[in-house]
Amino acid sequence: MAFALTNRREIAGPLAALYLLRGSCTYMSASCTSLPLYDVLHELIQNGTHSCNLVELQEAESNVTIRAASFLDDYIFRPSSLDRMNLYEFAMACFRRKQSKSAATPDLFLPGHPLFNTHCIGHHQTEAVPVITGVRMPSSRTAGPDSRMYGSHRH
């Protein structure tokens, strides 16, 4: 059926089937994670305004609180045991997760983090590959001012 929905190329049918079954059309031996570099740089440069994720905290059935937390918040308010990690290494190894009583000694965010009381830092079992989002490196084929700036630092 999937082959009938696609063009008559050999690969189109299997790709459509994977899409319909919500599978990936590629094989990766490593997991990936997002590193929102544009948002981080924007937050650092704009001083105060930043993009963030809204996280819903539900303490009781009727008591719902929504807080804003960004990736940079997670990095800035990481525990001192993770101080030697740079931003890229932090994205490779860590992620935000809800605190649970069953987890063994979690890495807690420092006070000041918007989700200090409810979330902590989780660690990937194997390092993930950070996929840098939001920033696009200029093409060497274009003659824009940005590409000339990057081109002068290539040596």
Foldseek 3Di string as FASTA:
>chain_A
DQCVVDDPDPVRSVVSVCVVVVHDPDDDPFAEFEDAVVQVVCCVVVPPDGDFDWDWDDPDPPDIDIDTAHLVLCVVQWDPVCVVDDSQQCRFWKDKDFDDPPDDPFGAGHPPGRCRPTIGIDTDPGTHHYDYPDDDQDDCPDDDPRNVVVVVPPD
